[in-house]
C-alpha atoms as a PDB file:
ATOM      1  CA  MET A   1     -12.535  -8.670 -13.405  1.00  0.00           C
ATOM      2  CA  THR A   2      -9.067  -9.815 -12.478  1.00  0.00           C
ATOM      3  CA  SER A   3      -6.124  -8.710 -14.553  1.00  0.00           C
ATOM      4  CA  LEU A   4      -3.040 -10.813 -15.107  1.00  0.00           C
ATOM      5  CA  TRP A   5       0.113  -9.761 -13.333  1.00  0.00           C
ATOM      6  CA  TYR A   6       3.719 -10.402 -14.266  1.00  0.00           C
ATOM      7  CA  VAL A   7       6.845 -10.781 -12.188  1.00  0.00           C
ATOM      8  CA  TYR A   8       9.971  -9.893 -14.147  1.00  0.00           C
ATOM      9  CA  PHE A   9      13.721  -9.484 -14.137  1.00  0.00           C
ATOM     10  CA  LEU A  10      15.416  -6.693 -16.059  1.00  0.00           C
ATOM     11  CA  ARG A  11      19.098  -6.865 -16.985  1.00  0.00           C
ATOM     12  CA  CYS A  12      20.693  -3.525 -16.187  1.00  0.00           C
ATOM     13  CA  ALA A  13      23.646  -1.962 -18.015  1.00  0.00           C
ATOM     14  CA  ASP A  14      25.886  -2.863 -15.060  1.00  0.00           C
ATOM     15  CA  ASN A  15      24.817  -6.534 -15.467  1.00  0.00           C
ATOM     16  CA  SER A  16      22.733  -6.502 -12.285  1.00  0.00           C
ATOM     17  CA  LEU A  17      19.194  -7.894 -12.222  1.00  0.00           C
ATOM     18  CA  TYR A  18      16.187  -5.856 -11.123  1.00  0.00           C
ATOM     19  CA  ALA A  19      12.956  -7.610 -10.084  1.00  0.00           C
ATOM     20  CA  GLY A  20       9.517  -6.033 -10.306  1.00  0.00           C
ATOM     21  CA  ILE A  21       5.823  -6.607 -10.943  1.00  0.00           C
ATOM     22  CA  THR A  22       3.408  -5.133 -13.487  1.00  0.00           C
ATOM     23  CA  THR A  23       0.263  -5.764 -15.516  1.00  0.00           C
ATOM     24  CA  ASP A  24       1.932  -4.610 -18.763  1.00  0.00           C
ATOM     25  CA  LEU A  25       5.501  -5.722 -19.440  1.00  0.00           C
ATOM     26  CA  SER A  26       6.230  -3.559 -22.488  1.00  0.00           C
ATOM     27  CA  ARG A  27       4.837  -0.381 -20.871  1.00  0.00           C
ATOM     28  CA  ARG A  28       6.814  -1.013 -17.693  1.00  0.00           C
ATOM     29  CA  LEU A  29      10.039  -1.673 -19.604  1.00  0.00           C
ATOM     30  CA  ASP A  30       9.559   1.627 -21.458  1.00  0.00           C
ATOM     31  CA  GLU A  31       8.971   3.414 -18.148  1.00  0.00           C
ATOM     32  CA  HIS A  32      12.170   1.971 -16.687  1.00  0.00           C
ATOM     33  CA  ASN A  33      14.178   2.912 -19.777  1.00  0.00           C
ATOM     34  CA  PHE A  34      12.762   6.336 -20.649  1.00  0.00           C
ATOM     35  CA  SER A  35      10.861   7.923 -17.744  1.00  0.00           C
ATOM     36  CA  ASN A  36      12.583   9.720 -14.900  1.00  0.00           C
ATOM     37  CA  LYS A  37       9.348   9.932 -12.929  1.00  0.00           C
ATOM     38  CA  LEU A  38       7.950   6.421 -13.385  1.00  0.00           C
ATOM     39  CA  ALA A  39      11.170   4.399 -13.405  1.00  0.00           C
ATOM     40  CA  ALA A  40      12.476   2.880 -10.202  1.00  0.00           C
ATOM     41  CA  LYS A  41      15.299   4.868  -8.644  1.00  0.00           C
ATOM     42  CA  TYR A  42      17.542   1.794  -8.971  1.00  0.00           C
ATOM     43  CA  THR A  43      17.024   1.476 -12.728  1.00  0.00           C
ATOM     44  CA  ARG A  44      17.270   5.191 -13.634  1.00  0.00           C
ATOM     45  CA  VAL A  45      21.053   5.160 -13.317  1.00  0.00           C
ATOM     46  CA  ARG A  46      21.533   1.690 -14.849  1.00  0.00           C
ATOM     47  CA  ARG A  47      20.093   2.146 -18.318  1.00  0.00           C
ATOM     48  CA  PRO A  48      19.616   0.645 -20.839  1.00  0.00           C
ATOM     49  CA  LEU A  49      17.541  -2.205 -19.439  1.00  0.00           C
ATOM     50  CA  GLN A  50      16.435  -5.396 -21.103  1.00  0.00           C
ATOM     51  CA  LEU A  51      13.628  -7.753 -20.115  1.00  0.00           C
ATOM     52  CA  VAL A  52      15.286 -11.133 -19.480  1.00  0.00           C
ATOM     53  CA  TYR A  53      12.682 -13.077 -17.476  1.00  0.00           C
ATOM     54  CA  SER A  54       8.967 -12.996 -16.687  1.00  0.00           C
ATOM     55  CA  GLU A  55       6.308 -15.125 -15.037  1.00  0.00           C
ATOM     56  CA  GLN A  56       2.558 -14.684 -15.309  1.00  0.00           C
ATOM     57  CA  VAL A  57       0.497 -14.869 -12.102  1.00  0.00           C
ATOM     58  CA  ASP A  58      -3.196 -14.411 -11.307  1.00  0.00           C
ATOM     59  CA  SER A  59      -3.196 -11.560  -8.812  1.00  0.00           C
ATOM     60  CA  ARG A  60      -1.235  -8.648  -7.440  1.00  0.00           C
ATOM     61  CA  SER A  61      -0.871 -10.531  -4.168  1.00  0.00           C
ATOM     62  CA  ALA A  62       0.622 -13.562  -5.920  1.00  0.00           C
ATOM     63  CA  ALA A  63       2.940 -11.286  -7.927  1.00  0.00           C
ATOM     64  CA  THR A  64       4.160  -9.523  -4.795  1.00  0.00           C
ATOM     65  CA  GLN A  65       4.805 -12.825  -3.035  1.00  0.00           C
ATOM     66  CA  ARG A  66       6.672 -14.253  -6.032  1.00  0.00           C
ATOM     67  CA  GLU A  67       8.726 -11.065  -6.415  1.00  0.00           C
ATOM     68  CA  TYR A  68       9.763 -11.396  -2.766  1.00  0.00           C
ATOM     69  CA  GLN A  69      10.792 -15.017  -3.364  1.00  0.00           C
ATOM     70  CA  LEU A  70      12.809 -14.105  -6.462  1.00  0.00           C
ATOM     71  CA  LYS A  71      14.600 -11.248  -4.708  1.00  0.00           C
ATOM     72  CA  ARG A  72      15.746 -13.634  -1.970  1.00  0.00           C
ATOM     73  CA  LEU A  73      17.398 -16.037  -4.425  1.00  0.00           C
ATOM     74  CA  SER A  74      21.160 -16.077  -4.797  1.00  0.00           C
ATOM     75  CA  LYS A  75      22.663 -14.316  -7.816  1.00  0.00           C
ATOM     76  CA  THR A  76      23.632 -17.735  -9.223  1.00  0.00           C
ATOM     77  CA  THR A  77      20.065 -19.062  -8.953  1.00  0.00           C
ATOM     78  CA  LYS A  78      18.662 -15.875 -10.498  1.00  0.00           C
ATOM     79  CA  GLU A  79      21.084 -16.232 -13.409  1.00  0.00           C
ATOM     80  CA  GLN A  80      20.038 -19.876 -13.885  1.00  0.00           C
ATOM     81  CA  LEU A  81      16.375 -18.789 -14.099  1.00  0.00           C
ATOM     82  CA  VAL A  82      17.281 -16.156 -16.690  1.00  0.00           C
ATOM     83  CA  ASN A  83      19.471 -18.551 -18.705  1.00  0.00           C
ATOM     84  CA  ASN A  84      16.734 -21.212 -18.808  1.00  0.00           C
ATOM     85  CA  TYR A  85      13.960 -18.733 -19.607  1.00  0.00           C
ATOM     86  CA  ILE A  86      12.112 -19.262 -22.896  1.00  0.00           C
ATOM     87  CA  PRO A  87       9.910 -16.271 -23.790  1.00  0.00           C
ATOM     88  CA  ILE A  88       6.383 -17.135 -24.844  1.00  0.00           C
END
């Protein structure tokens, strides 16, 4: 059985964007905001965080590849993605 994966951007308190992957967006957002063990080192000191963008993909491999692509985008292009994002 294949689980769905998500690639996401979080808006940090310092207005930066953090990209990541997960199978459960709400759980991962909670981990970033409230857990000192499970949150990424980058997000621990930039709380609170807000989910501002996500994409659904079919596999961990596809999620990792897409995350890499998103991280390489310019800040302006990332912001355009976020601004045009319509949550489902």
